[in-house]
Amino acid sequence: MKKLLQKIVGKSPWLYRINAGSCNGCDVELATTACIPRFDVERLGCKYCGSPKHADIVLITGPLTVRVKDKVLRVYDEIPDPKVTVAIGICPISAGVFRDSYAIAGPIDSFIPVDVNVPGCPPRPQAIIDGILEAIKIWETRM
């Protein structure tokens, strides 16, 4: 069964991005990894998708605000298993400078299992690519 699944799914992983209330600094760096040839994430065989139902690896930015918490959890549940979660930036890891705010429900791992953490405010594109590479390895073992 595992071999059949690997053959059927012998594809490139699809990336899906969720903004859980970030300042957009990490999102700009994610755009850098998508649009600038020097850091092009498609070299790794990945491609961004527009629907959570097609995603294999989810990239989450932001500290998870109270306002978007239910929406983020609902979108996360739409992503089929096996999925790998990557927290991009310090905000999803520890809520960053917003930690003690009444508007923050996070950190994200209180609600969603995180497989890879990419710290930084914002993380450099090289660090994001390293995190995605680690996520691909985890995703391949889960297939």
Foldseek 3Di string as FASTA:
>chain_A
DVVVVCVVPVAAFEEEEDEQAAPCPQVVQVVCCPPPVVNPLCVVRYYYDDALLRGAEYEYEAQRWPVCNVVVLVRPVNHDPPHAYEYFECNLVQNPPCNPPPGGPDNVCVPDPHDYYQYDPGGHSVSVSVRVVVRVVVSVVRD
